[in-house]
């Protein structure tokens, strides 16, 4: 599936307030879902007695589902800002390639 197609389908499932409240809703949702990913990883680290053990397929699938929720909020937040995901992805990779070329990819980056 292409990013733009995903974003269109994601928007067809979006049910939240319009305007600034939509921006707030999608931003808070993104933060919440990213926190759920982090919390699952934290629990994997906490509960794993062997730090070098491979992650189970079940745990990978749980994380993948949460990452999907993060993607939904990224798609809807981007839409609220008037951007499609293809544009966001292109801007991001261009930024990273520029940092790599200037040898600042490991540092604090730009525009911080």
PDB file of N, CA and C in Angstrom:
ATOM      1  N   UNK A   1       0.844  -1.177   0.000  1.00  0.00           N
ATOM      2  CA  UNK A   1       0.000   0.000   0.000  1.00  0.00           C
ATOM      3  C   UNK A   1       0.895   1.246   0.000  1.00  0.00           C
ATOM      4  N   UNK A   2       0.511   2.215  -0.753  1.00  0.00           N
ATOM      5  CA  UNK A   2       1.239   3.478  -0.823  1.00  0.00           C
ATOM      6  C   UNK A   2       0.798   4.390   0.319  1.00  0.00           C
ATOM      7  N   UNK A   3       1.705   5.262   0.746  1.00  0.00           N
ATOM      8  CA  UNK A   3       1.407   6.161   1.864  1.00  0.00           C
ATOM      9  C   UNK A   3       0.163   7.015   1.614  1.00  0.00           C
ATOM     10  N   UNK A   4       0.056   7.561   0.420  1.00  0.00           N
ATOM     11  CA  UNK A   4      -1.088   8.426   0.117  1.00  0.00           C
ATOM     12  C   UNK A   4      -2.407   7.642   0.171  1.00  0.00           C
ATOM     13  N   UNK A   5      -2.370   6.395  -0.314  1.00  0.00           N
ATOM     14  CA  UNK A   5      -3.569   5.553  -0.253  1.00  0.00           C
ATOM     15  C   UNK A   5      -3.928   5.243   1.195  1.00  0.00           C
ATOM     16  N   UNK A   6      -2.912   4.939   2.005  1.00  0.00           N
ATOM     17  CA  UNK A   6      -3.164   4.674   3.420  1.00  0.00           C
ATOM     18  C   UNK A   6      -3.803   5.887   4.085  1.00  0.00           C
ATOM     19  N   UNK A   7      -3.264   7.072   3.799  1.00  0.00           N
ATOM     20  CA  UNK A   7      -3.783   8.277   4.446  1.00  0.00           C
ATOM     21  C   UNK A   7      -5.247   8.506   4.072  1.00  0.00           C
ATOM     22  N   UNK A   8      -5.587   8.291   2.819  1.00  0.00           N
ATOM     23  CA  UNK A   8      -6.983   8.459   2.400  1.00  0.00           C
ATOM     24  C   UNK A   8      -7.895   7.480   3.136  1.00  0.00           C
ATOM     25  N   UNK A   9      -7.462   6.235   3.255  1.00  0.00           N
ATOM     26  CA  UNK A   9      -8.268   5.243   3.971  1.00  0.00           C
ATOM     27  C   UNK A   9      -8.337   5.566   5.459  1.00  0.00           C
ATOM     28  N   UNK A  10      -7.222   6.020   6.031  1.00  0.00           N
ATOM     29  CA  UNK A  10      -7.224   6.408   7.445  1.00  0.00           C
ATOM     30  C   UNK A  10      -8.228   7.532   7.675  1.00  0.00           C
ATOM     31  N   UNK A  11      -8.245   8.502   6.788  1.00  0.00           N
ATOM     32  CA  UNK A  11      -9.178   9.624   6.953  1.00  0.00           C
ATOM     33  C   UNK A  11     -10.630   9.174   6.834  1.00  0.00           C
ATOM     34  N   UNK A  12     -10.868   8.098   6.095  1.00  0.00           N
ATOM     35  CA  UNK A  12     -12.252   7.610   5.983  1.00  0.00           C
ATOM     36  C   UNK A  12     -12.733   6.983   7.285  1.00  0.00           C
ATOM     37  N   UNK A  13     -11.807   6.703   8.205  1.00  0.00           N
ATOM     38  CA  UNK A  13     -12.176   6.135   9.507  1.00  0.00           C
ATOM     39  C   UNK A  13     -12.081   7.163  10.634  1.00  0.00           C
ATOM     40  N   UNK A  14     -11.671   8.379  10.302  1.00  0.00           N
ATOM     41  CA  UNK A  14     -11.450   9.412  11.320  1.00  0.00           C
ATOM     42  C   UNK A  14     -12.775   9.995  11.802  1.00  0.00           C
ATOM     43  N   UNK A  15     -12.925  10.008  13.123  1.00  0.00           N
ATOM     44  CA  UNK A  15     -14.107  10.594  13.744  1.00  0.00           C
ATOM     45  C   UNK A  15     -13.646  11.407  14.941  1.00  0.00           C
ATOM     46  N   UNK A  16     -13.417  12.687  14.706  1.00  0.00           N
ATOM     47  CA  UNK A  16     -12.977  13.576  15.776  1.00  0.00           C
ATOM     48  C   UNK A  16     -13.347  15.001  15.403  1.00  0.00           C
ATOM     49  N   UNK A  17     -13.229  15.943  16.337  1.00  0.00           N
ATOM     50  CA  UNK A  17     -13.633  17.325  16.069  1.00  0.00           C
ATOM     51  C   UNK A  17     -12.814  17.977  14.947  1.00  0.00           C
ATOM     52  N   UNK A  18     -13.383  19.015  14.363  1.00  0.00           N
ATOM     53  CA  UNK A  18     -12.701  19.759  13.300  1.00  0.00           C
ATOM     54  C   UNK A  18     -11.880  20.913  13.868  1.00  0.00           C
ATOM     55  N   UNK A  19     -11.089  21.529  13.012  1.00  0.00           N
ATOM     56  CA  UNK A  19     -10.342  22.735  13.359  1.00  0.00           C
ATOM     57  C   UNK A  19      -9.228  22.462  14.352  1.00  0.00           C
ATOM     58  N   UNK A  20      -8.993  23.429  15.229  1.00  0.00           N
ATOM     59  CA  UNK A  20      -7.915  23.305  16.201  1.00  0.00           C
ATOM     60  C   UNK A  20      -8.114  22.114  17.132  1.00  0.00           C
ATOM     61  N   UNK A  21      -9.369  21.766  17.407  1.00  0.00           N
ATOM     62  CA  UNK A  21      -9.623  20.586  18.236  1.00  0.00           C
ATOM     63  C   UNK A  21      -9.178  19.306  17.534  1.00  0.00           C
ATOM     64  N   UNK A  22      -9.284  19.261  16.216  1.00  0.00           N
ATOM     65  CA  UNK A  22      -8.788  18.120  15.453  1.00  0.00           C
ATOM     66  C   UNK A  22      -7.279  18.012  15.543  1.00  0.00           C
ATOM     67  N   UNK A  23      -6.621  19.168  15.478  1.00  0.00           N
ATOM     68  CA  UNK A  23      -5.168  19.198  15.638  1.00  0.00           C
ATOM     69  C   UNK A  23      -4.776  18.709  17.023  1.00  0.00           C
ATOM     70  N   UNK A  24      -5.479  19.183  18.029  1.00  0.00           N
ATOM     71  CA  UNK A  24      -5.206  18.766  19.409  1.00  0.00           C
ATOM     72  C   UNK A  24      -5.474  17.274  19.585  1.00  0.00           C
ATOM     73  N   UNK A  25      -6.609  16.809  19.094  1.00  0.00           N
ATOM     74  CA  UNK A  25      -6.986  15.404  19.230  1.00  0.00           C
ATOM     75  C   UNK A  25      -5.944  14.492  18.608  1.00  0.00           C
ATOM     76  N   UNK A  26      -5.525  14.793  17.363  1.00  0.00           N
ATOM     77  CA  UNK A  26      -4.576  13.915  16.675  1.00  0.00           C
ATOM     78  C   UNK A  26      -3.187  13.976  17.309  1.00  0.00           C
ATOM     79  N   UNK A  27      -2.798  15.143  17.801  1.00  0.00           N
ATOM     80  CA  UNK A  27      -1.498  15.271  18.466  1.00  0.00           C
ATOM     81  C   UNK A  27      -1.470  14.469  19.760  1.00  0.00           C
ATOM     82  N   UNK A  28      -2.513  14.607  20.566  1.00  0.00           N
ATOM     83  CA  UNK A  28      -2.572  13.853  21.816  1.00  0.00           C
ATOM     84  C   UNK A  28      -2.685  12.347  21.552  1.00  0.00           C
ATOM     85  N   UNK A  29      -3.428  11.989  20.532  1.00  0.00           N
ATOM     86  CA  UNK A  29      -3.543  10.575  20.168  1.00  0.00           C
ATOM     87  C   UNK A  29      -2.208   9.995  19.751  1.00  0.00           C
ATOM     88  N   UNK A  30      -1.450  10.751  18.971  1.00  0.00           N
ATOM     89  CA  UNK A  30      -0.120  10.305  18.547  1.00  0.00           C
ATOM     90  C   UNK A  30       0.785  10.095  19.750  1.00  0.00           C
ATOM     91  N   UNK A  31       0.776  11.048  20.663  1.00  0.00           N
ATOM     92  CA  UNK A  31       1.606  10.927  21.866  1.00  0.00           C
ATOM     93  C   UNK A  31       1.187   9.706  22.686  1.00  0.00           C
ATOM     94  N   UNK A  32      -0.101   9.485  22.812  1.00  0.00           N
ATOM     95  CA  UNK A  32      -0.594   8.342  23.573  1.00  0.00           C
ATOM     96  C   UNK A  32      -0.197   7.015  22.955  1.00  0.00           C
ATOM     97  N   UNK A  33      -0.352   6.901  21.656  1.00  0.00           N
ATOM     98  CA  UNK A  33      -0.013   5.646  20.980  1.00  0.00           C
ATOM     99  C   UNK A  33       1.498   5.406  20.985  1.00  0.00           C
ATOM    100  N   UNK A  34       2.284   6.458  20.800  1.00  0.00           N
ATOM    101  CA  UNK A  34       3.743   6.301  20.882  1.00  0.00           C
ATOM    102  C   UNK A  34       4.135   5.847  22.280  1.00  0.00           C
ATOM    103  N   UNK A  35       3.437   6.366  23.287  1.00  0.00           N
ATOM    104  CA  UNK A  35       3.669   5.936  24.656  1.00  0.00           C
ATOM    105  C   UNK A  35       3.329   4.462  24.858  1.00  0.00           C
ATOM    106  N   UNK A  36       2.295   3.977  24.178  1.00  0.00           N
ATOM    107  CA  UNK A  36       1.944   2.563  24.282  1.00  0.00           C
ATOM    108  C   UNK A  36       3.040   1.682  23.677  1.00  0.00           C
ATOM    109  N   UNK A  37       3.622   2.122  22.568  1.00  0.00           N
ATOM    110  CA  UNK A  37       4.751   1.385  21.983  1.00  0.00           C
ATOM    111  C   UNK A  37       5.895   1.340  22.989  1.00  0.00           C
ATOM    112  N   UNK A  38       6.226   2.498  23.541  1.00  0.00           N
ATOM    113  CA  UNK A  38       7.329   2.579  24.505  1.00  0.00           C
ATOM    114  C   UNK A  38       7.050   1.711  25.730  1.00  0.00           C
ATOM    115  N   UNK A  39       5.812   1.707  26.204  1.00  0.00           N
ATOM    116  CA  UNK A  39       5.466   0.925  27.383  1.00  0.00           C
ATOM    117  C   UNK A  39       5.601  -0.573  27.120  1.00  0.00           C
ATOM    118  N   UNK A  40       5.186  -1.024  25.930  1.00  0.00           N
ATOM    119  CA  UNK A  40       5.327  -2.440  25.591  1.00  0.00           C
ATOM    120  C   UNK A  40       6.806  -2.833  25.528  1.00  0.00           C
ATOM    121  N   UNK A  41       7.640  -1.984  24.944  1.00  0.00           N
ATOM    122  CA  UNK A  41       9.075  -2.266  24.873  1.00  0.00           C
ATOM    123  C   UNK A  41       9.667  -2.286  26.279  1.00  0.00           C
ATOM    124  N   UNK A  42       9.256  -1.338  27.109  1.00  0.00           N
ATOM    125  CA  UNK A  42       9.732  -1.294  28.497  1.00  0.00           C
ATOM    126  C   UNK A  42       9.428  -2.603  29.210  1.00  0.00           C
ATOM    127  N   UNK A  43       8.219  -3.110  29.024  1.00  0.00           N
ATOM    128  CA  UNK A  43       7.831  -4.355  29.689  1.00  0.00           C
ATOM    129  C   UNK A  43       8.585  -5.558  29.130  1.00  0.00           C
ATOM    130  N   UNK A  44       8.896  -5.533  27.846  1.00  0.00           N
ATOM    131  CA  UNK A  44       9.704  -6.599  27.255  1.00  0.00           C
ATOM    132  C   UNK A  44      11.086  -6.602  27.902  1.00  0.00           C
ATOM    133  N   UNK A  45      11.671  -5.424  28.050  1.00  0.00           N
ATOM    134  CA  UNK A  45      12.992  -5.308  28.688  1.00  0.00           C
ATOM    135  C   UNK A  45      12.908  -5.768  30.142  1.00  0.00           C
ATOM    136  N   UNK A  46      11.898  -5.323  30.849  1.00  0.00           N
ATOM    137  CA  UNK A  46      11.736  -5.675  32.261  1.00  0.00           C
ATOM    138  C   UNK A  46      11.572  -7.177  32.466  1.00  0.00           C
ATOM    139  N   UNK A  47      10.774  -7.811  31.607  1.00  0.00           N
ATOM    140  CA  UNK A  47      10.421  -9.211  31.811  1.00  0.00           C
ATOM    141  C   UNK A  47      11.384 -10.202  31.169  1.00  0.00           C
ATOM    142  N   UNK A  48      12.331  -9.724  30.381  1.00  0.00           N
ATOM    143  CA  UNK A  48      13.237 -10.607  29.661  1.00  0.00           C
ATOM    144  C   UNK A  48      14.497 -10.851  30.493  1.00  0.00           C
ATOM    145  N   UNK A  49      14.705 -12.090  30.878  1.00  0.00           N
ATOM    146  CA  UNK A  49      15.874 -12.426  31.699  1.00  0.00           C
ATOM    147  C   UNK A  49      17.153 -12.461  30.876  1.00  0.00           C
ATOM    148  N   UNK A  50      17.047 -12.724  29.576  1.00  0.00           N
ATOM    149  CA  UNK A  50      18.213 -12.784  28.703  1.00  0.00           C
ATOM    150  C   UNK A  50      18.185 -11.585  27.760  1.00  0.00           C
ATOM    151  N   UNK A  51      19.026 -10.581  28.001  1.00  0.00           N
ATOM    152  CA  UNK A  51      18.998  -9.376  27.165  1.00  0.00           C
ATOM    153  C   UNK A  51      19.418  -9.627  25.716  1.00  0.00           C
ATOM    154  N   UNK A  52      19.969 -10.795  25.434  1.00  0.00           N
ATOM    155  CA  UNK A  52      20.404 -11.113  24.066  1.00  0.00           C
ATOM    156  C   UNK A  52      19.428 -12.038  23.349  1.00  0.00           C
ATOM    157  N   UNK A  53      18.330 -12.388  24.009  1.00  0.00           N
ATOM    158  CA  UNK A  53      17.335 -13.281  23.412  1.00  0.00           C
ATOM    159  C   UNK A  53      16.584 -12.559  22.290  1.00  0.00           C
ATOM    160  N   UNK A  54      16.161 -13.341  21.316  1.00  0.00           N
ATOM    161  CA  UNK A  54      15.358 -12.781  20.229  1.00  0.00           C
ATOM    162  C   UNK A  54      13.954 -12.481  20.725  1.00  0.00           C
ATOM    163  N   UNK A  55      13.333 -11.495  20.122  1.00  0.00           N
ATOM    164  CA  UNK A  55      11.963 -11.126  20.448  1.00  0.00           C
ATOM    165  C   UNK A  55      11.016 -12.161  19.846  1.00  0.00           C
ATOM    166  N   UNK A  56      10.035 -12.599  20.609  1.00  0.00           N
ATOM    167  CA  UNK A  56       9.079 -13.592  20.096  1.00  0.00           C
ATOM    168  C   UNK A  56       8.232 -12.976  18.990  1.00  0.00           C
ATOM    169  N   UNK A  57       7.704 -13.831  18.143  1.00  0.00           N
ATOM    170  CA  UNK A  57       6.819 -13.370  17.067  1.00  0.00           C
ATOM    171  C   UNK A  57       5.573 -12.714  17.643  1.00  0.00           C
ATOM    172  N   UNK A  58       5.099 -13.237  18.761  1.00  0.00           N
ATOM    173  CA  UNK A  58       3.922 -12.658  19.419  1.00  0.00           C
ATOM    174  C   UNK A  58       4.198 -11.218  19.859  1.00  0.00           C
ATOM    175  N   UNK A  59       5.346 -10.989  20.472  1.00  0.00           N
ATOM    176  CA  UNK A  59       5.703  -9.641  20.926  1.00  0.00           C
ATOM    177  C   UNK A  59       5.904  -8.709  19.727  1.00  0.00           C
ATOM    178  N   UNK A  60       6.526  -9.217  18.676  1.00  0.00           N
ATOM    179  CA  UNK A  60       6.698  -8.404  17.461  1.00  0.00           C
ATOM    180  C   UNK A  60       5.348  -7.985  16.897  1.00  0.00           C
ATOM    181  N   UNK A  61       4.391  -8.907  16.897  1.00  0.00           N
ATOM    182  CA  UNK A  61       3.062  -8.600  16.360  1.00  0.00           C
ATOM    183  C   UNK A  61       2.348  -7.573  17.237  1.00  0.00           C
ATOM    184  N   UNK A  62       2.473  -7.702  18.547  1.00  0.00           N
ATOM    185  CA  UNK A  62       1.879  -6.712  19.446  1.00  0.00           C
ATOM    186  C   UNK A  62       2.442  -5.316  19.153  1.00  0.00           C
ATOM    187  N   UNK A  63       3.751  -5.240  18.986  1.00  0.00           N
ATOM    188  CA  UNK A  63       4.379  -3.954  18.681  1.00  0.00           C
ATOM    189  C   UNK A  63       3.947  -3.430  17.320  1.00  0.00           C
ATOM    190  N   UNK A  64       3.857  -4.324  16.337  1.00  0.00           N
ATOM    191  CA  UNK A  64       3.442  -3.916  14.992  1.00  0.00           C
ATOM    192  C   UNK A  64       2.041  -3.298  15.019  1.00  0.00           C
ATOM    193  N   UNK A  65       1.143  -3.872  15.803  1.00  0.00           N
ATOM    194  CA  UNK A  65      -0.217  -3.328  15.900  1.00  0.00           C
ATOM    195  C   UNK A  65      -0.200  -1.928  16.515  1.00  0.00           C
ATOM    196  N   UNK A  66       0.611  -1.741  17.529  1.00  0.00           N
ATOM    197  CA  UNK A  66       0.717  -0.412  18.146  1.00  0.00           C
ATOM    198  C   UNK A  66       1.349   0.584  17.181  1.00  0.00           C
ATOM    199  N   UNK A  67       2.344   0.137  16.422  1.00  0.00           N
ATOM    200  CA  UNK A  67       2.972   1.019  15.430  1.00  0.00           C
ATOM    201  C   UNK A  67       1.937   1.422  14.379  1.00  0.00           C
ATOM    202  N   UNK A  68       1.040   0.506  14.048  1.00  0.00           N
ATOM    203  CA  UNK A  68      -0.043   0.837  13.121  1.00  0.00           C
ATOM    204  C   UNK A  68      -0.920   1.952  13.660  1.00  0.00           C
ATOM    205  N   UNK A  69      -1.189   1.927  14.961  1.00  0.00           N
ATOM    206  CA  UNK A  69      -1.970   3.008  15.570  1.00  0.00           C
ATOM    207  C   UNK A  69      -1.205   4.328  15.507  1.00  0.00           C
ATOM    208  N   UNK A  70       0.111   4.274  15.714  1.00  0.00           N
ATOM    209  CA  UNK A  70       0.941   5.478  15.582  1.00  0.00           C
ATOM    210  C   UNK A  70       0.831   6.015  14.152  1.00  0.00           C
ATOM    211  N   UNK A  71       0.905   5.119  13.174  1.00  0.00           N
ATOM    212  CA  UNK A  71       0.815   5.533  11.771  1.00  0.00           C
ATOM    213  C   UNK A  71      -0.521   6.204  11.474  1.00  0.00           C
ATOM    214  N   UNK A  72      -1.610   5.681  12.049  1.00  0.00           N
ATOM    215  CA  UNK A  72      -2.923   6.283  11.828  1.00  0.00           C
ATOM    216  C   UNK A  72      -2.926   7.730  12.315  1.00  0.00           C
ATOM    217  N   UNK A  73      -2.379   7.949  13.502  1.00  0.00           N
ATOM    218  CA  UNK A  73      -2.349   9.317  14.031  1.00  0.00           C
ATOM    219  C   UNK A  73      -1.395  10.207  13.243  1.00  0.00           C
ATOM    220  N   UNK A  74      -0.305   9.661  12.742  1.00  0.00           N
ATOM    221  CA  UNK A  74       0.591  10.448  11.892  1.00  0.00           C
ATOM    222  C   UNK A  74      -0.149  10.857  10.618  1.00  0.00           C
ATOM    223  N   UNK A  75      -0.888   9.927  10.047  1.00  0.00           N
ATOM    224  CA  UNK A  75      -1.650  10.223   8.829  1.00  0.00           C
ATOM    225  C   UNK A  75      -2.699  11.295   9.070  1.00  0.00           C
ATOM    226  N   UNK A  76      -3.429  11.182  10.174  1.00  0.00           N
ATOM    227  CA  UNK A  76      -4.492  12.150  10.430  1.00  0.00           C
ATOM    228  C   UNK A  76      -3.934  13.497  10.867  1.00  0.00           C
ATOM    229  N   UNK A  77      -2.877  13.500  11.651  1.00  0.00           N
ATOM    230  CA  UNK A  77      -2.245  14.769  12.048  1.00  0.00           C
ATOM    231  C   UNK A  77      -1.686  15.480  10.823  1.00  0.00           C
ATOM    232  N   UNK A  78      -1.043  14.726   9.939  1.00  0.00           N
ATOM    233  CA  UNK A  78      -0.524  15.325   8.700  1.00  0.00           C
ATOM    234  C   UNK A  78      -1.656  15.946   7.891  1.00  0.00           C
ATOM    235  N   UNK A  79      -2.770  15.229   7.810  1.00  0.00           N
ATOM    236  CA  UNK A  79      -3.942  15.750   7.100  1.00  0.00           C
ATOM    237  C   UNK A  79      -4.431  17.050   7.735  1.00  0.00           C
ATOM    238  N   UNK A  80      -4.497  17.084   9.063  1.00  0.00           N
ATOM    239  CA  UNK A  80      -4.946  18.292   9.759  1.00  0.00           C
ATOM    240  C   UNK A  80      -4.053  19.486   9.433  1.00  0.00           C
ATOM    241  N   UNK A  81      -2.777  19.226   9.168  1.00  0.00           N
ATOM    242  CA  UNK A  81      -1.840  20.297   8.832  1.00  0.00           C
ATOM    243  C   UNK A  81      -1.809  20.616   7.338  1.00  0.00           C
ATOM    244  N   UNK A  82      -2.574  19.834   6.561  1.00  0.00           N
ATOM    245  CA  UNK A  82      -2.657  20.080   5.123  1.00  0.00           C
ATOM    246  C   UNK A  82      -1.579  19.390   4.303  1.00  0.00           C
ATOM    247  N   UNK A  83      -0.955  18.357   4.857  1.00  0.00           N
ATOM    248  CA  UNK A  83       0.096  17.627   4.146  1.00  0.00           C
ATOM    249  C   UNK A  83      -0.336  16.196   3.886  1.00  0.00           C
ATOM    250  N   UNK A  84       0.105  15.632   2.758  1.00  0.00           N
ATOM    251  CA  UNK A  84      -0.084  14.203   2.569  1.00  0.00           C
ATOM    252  C   UNK A  84       1.181  13.486   3.030  1.00  0.00           C
ATOM    253  N   UNK A  85       1.040  12.204   3.328  1.00  0.00           N
ATOM    254  CA  UNK A  85       2.158  11.443   3.879  1.00  0.00           C
ATOM    255  C   UNK A  85       3.333  11.338   2.912  1.00  0.00           C
ATOM    256  N   UNK A  86       3.060  11.319   1.620  1.00  0.00           N
ATOM    257  CA  UNK A  86       4.163  11.290   0.649  1.00  0.00           C
ATOM    258  C   UNK A  86       5.034  12.532   0.806  1.00  0.00           C
ATOM    259  N   UNK A  87       4.417  13.673   0.982  1.00  0.00           N
ATOM    260  CA  UNK A  87       5.154  14.919   1.162  1.00  0.00           C
ATOM    261  C   UNK A  87       5.946  14.878   2.472  1.00  0.00           C
ATOM    262  N   UNK A  88       5.320  14.428   3.540  1.00  0.00           N
ATOM    263  CA  UNK A  88       5.988  14.337   4.842  1.00  0.00           C
ATOM    264  C   UNK A  88       7.204  13.416   4.732  1.00  0.00           C
ATOM    265  N   UNK A  89       7.025  12.246   4.102  1.00  0.00           N
ATOM    266  CA  UNK A  89       8.118  11.286   3.958  1.00  0.00           C
ATOM    267  C   UNK A  89       9.259  11.870   3.130  1.00  0.00           C
ATOM    268  N   UNK A  90       8.927  12.566   2.054  1.00  0.00           N
ATOM    269  CA  UNK A  90       9.956  13.175   1.207  1.00  0.00           C
ATOM    270  C   UNK A  90      10.711  14.262   1.956  1.00  0.00           C
ATOM    271  N   UNK A  91       9.990  15.121   2.678  1.00  0.00           N
ATOM    272  CA  UNK A  91      10.654  16.171   3.461  1.00  0.00           C
ATOM    273  C   UNK A  91      11.599  15.552   4.487  1.00  0.00           C
ATOM    274  N   UNK A  92      11.153  14.492   5.138  1.00  0.00           N
ATOM    275  CA  UNK A  92      11.957  13.867   6.191  1.00  0.00           C
ATOM    276  C   UNK A  92      13.225  13.230   5.627  1.00  0.00           C
ATOM    277  N   UNK A  93      13.099  12.483   4.538  1.00  0.00           N
ATOM    278  CA  UNK A  93      14.290  11.817   3.992  1.00  0.00           C
ATOM    279  C   UNK A  93      15.268  12.836   3.429  1.00  0.00           C
ATOM    280  N   UNK A  94      14.760  13.916   2.841  1.00  0.00           N
ATOM    281  CA  UNK A  94      15.649  14.973   2.355  1.00  0.00           C
ATOM    282  C   UNK A  94      16.402  15.630   3.502  1.00  0.00           C
ATOM    283  N   UNK A  95      15.728  15.853   4.615  1.00  0.00           N
ATOM    284  CA  UNK A  95      16.369  16.426   5.799  1.00  0.00           C
ATOM    285  C   UNK A  95      17.479  15.505   6.299  1.00  0.00           C
ATOM    286  N   UNK A  96      17.172  14.207   6.396  1.00  0.00           N
ATOM    287  CA  UNK A  96      18.152  13.247   6.896  1.00  0.00           C
ATOM    288  C   UNK A  96      19.344  13.100   5.953  1.00  0.00           C
ATOM    289  N   UNK A  97      19.080  13.063   4.656  1.00  0.00           N
ATOM    290  CA  UNK A  97      20.175  12.965   3.683  1.00  0.00           C
ATOM    291  C   UNK A  97      21.068  14.199   3.735  1.00  0.00           C
ATOM    292  N   UNK A  98      20.458  15.373   3.933  1.00  0.00           N
ATOM    293  CA  UNK A  98      21.239  16.605   4.062  1.00  0.00           C
ATOM    294  C   UNK A  98      22.122  16.557   5.302  1.00  0.00           C
ATOM    295  N   UNK A  99      21.573  16.087   6.408  1.00  0.00           N
ATOM    296  CA  UNK A  99      22.367  15.971   7.635  1.00  0.00           C
ATOM    297  C   UNK A  99      23.520  14.992   7.444  1.00  0.00           C
ATOM    298  N   UNK A 100      23.231  13.876   6.781  1.00  0.00           N
ATOM    299  CA  UNK A 100      24.280  12.886   6.531  1.00  0.00           C
ATOM    300  C   UNK A 100      25.385  13.479   5.673  1.00  0.00           C
ATOM    301  N   UNK A 101      25.003  14.185   4.625  1.00  0.00           N
ATOM    302  CA  UNK A 101      25.976  14.801   3.711  1.00  0.00           C
ATOM    303  C   UNK A 101      26.846  15.819   4.445  1.00  0.00           C
ATOM    304  N   UNK A 102      26.250  16.556   5.389  1.00  0.00           N
ATOM    305  CA  UNK A 102      26.985  17.574   6.146  1.00  0.00           C
ATOM    306  C   UNK A 102      27.635  17.004   7.408  1.00  0.00           C
ATOM    307  N   UNK A 103      27.532  15.684   7.582  1.00  0.00           N
ATOM    308  CA  UNK A 103      28.123  14.982   8.723  1.00  0.00           C
ATOM    309  C   UNK A 103      27.588  15.480  10.062  1.00  0.00           C
ATOM    310  N   UNK A 104      26.290  15.787  10.105  1.00  0.00           N
ATOM    311  CA  UNK A 104      25.667  16.205  11.370  1.00  0.00           C
ATOM    312  C   UNK A 104      24.507  15.282  11.737  1.00  0.00           C
ATOM    313  N   UNK A 105      24.443  14.111  11.129  1.00  0.00           N
ATOM    314  CA  UNK A 105      23.319  13.215  11.400  1.00  0.00           C
ATOM    315  C   UNK A 105      23.376  12.657  12.817  1.00  0.00           C
ATOM    316  N   UNK A 106      24.554  12.580  13.412  1.00  0.00           N
ATOM    317  CA  UNK A 106      24.685  12.061  14.778  1.00  0.00           C
ATOM    318  C   UNK A 106      24.554  13.145  15.828  1.00  0.00           C
ATOM    319  N   UNK A 107      24.565  14.395  15.414  1.00  0.00           N
ATOM    320  CA  UNK A 107      24.501  15.485  16.368  1.00  0.00           C
ATOM    321  C   UNK A 107      23.089  15.895  16.695  1.00  0.00           C
ATOM    322  N   UNK A 108      22.922  17.142  17.020  1.00  0.00           N
ATOM    323  CA  UNK A 108      21.618  17.673  17.396  1.00  0.00           C
ATOM    324  C   UNK A 108      20.754  18.006  16.185  1.00  0.00           C
ATOM    325  N   UNK A 109      21.309  17.924  14.981  1.00  0.00           N
ATOM    326  CA  UNK A 109      20.529  18.185  13.785  1.00  0.00           C
ATOM    327  C   UNK A 109      20.261  19.669  13.583  1.00  0.00           C
ATOM    328  N   UNK A 110      19.198  19.951  12.862  1.00  0.00           N
ATOM    329  CA  UNK A 110      18.824  21.313  12.511  1.00  0.00           C
ATOM    330  C   UNK A 110      17.486  21.689  13.135  1.00  0.00           C
ATOM    331  N   UNK A 111      17.224  22.958  13.189  1.00  0.00           N
ATOM    332  CA  UNK A 111      15.898  23.477  13.579  1.00  0.00           C
ATOM    333  C   UNK A 111      15.401  22.923  14.917  1.00  0.00           C
ATOM    334  N   UNK A 112      16.249  22.920  15.895  1.00  0.00           N
ATOM    335  CA  UNK A 112      15.828  22.390  17.193  1.00  0.00           C
ATOM    336  C   UNK A 112      15.626  23.495  18.180  1.00  0.00           C
TER     337      UNK A 112
END
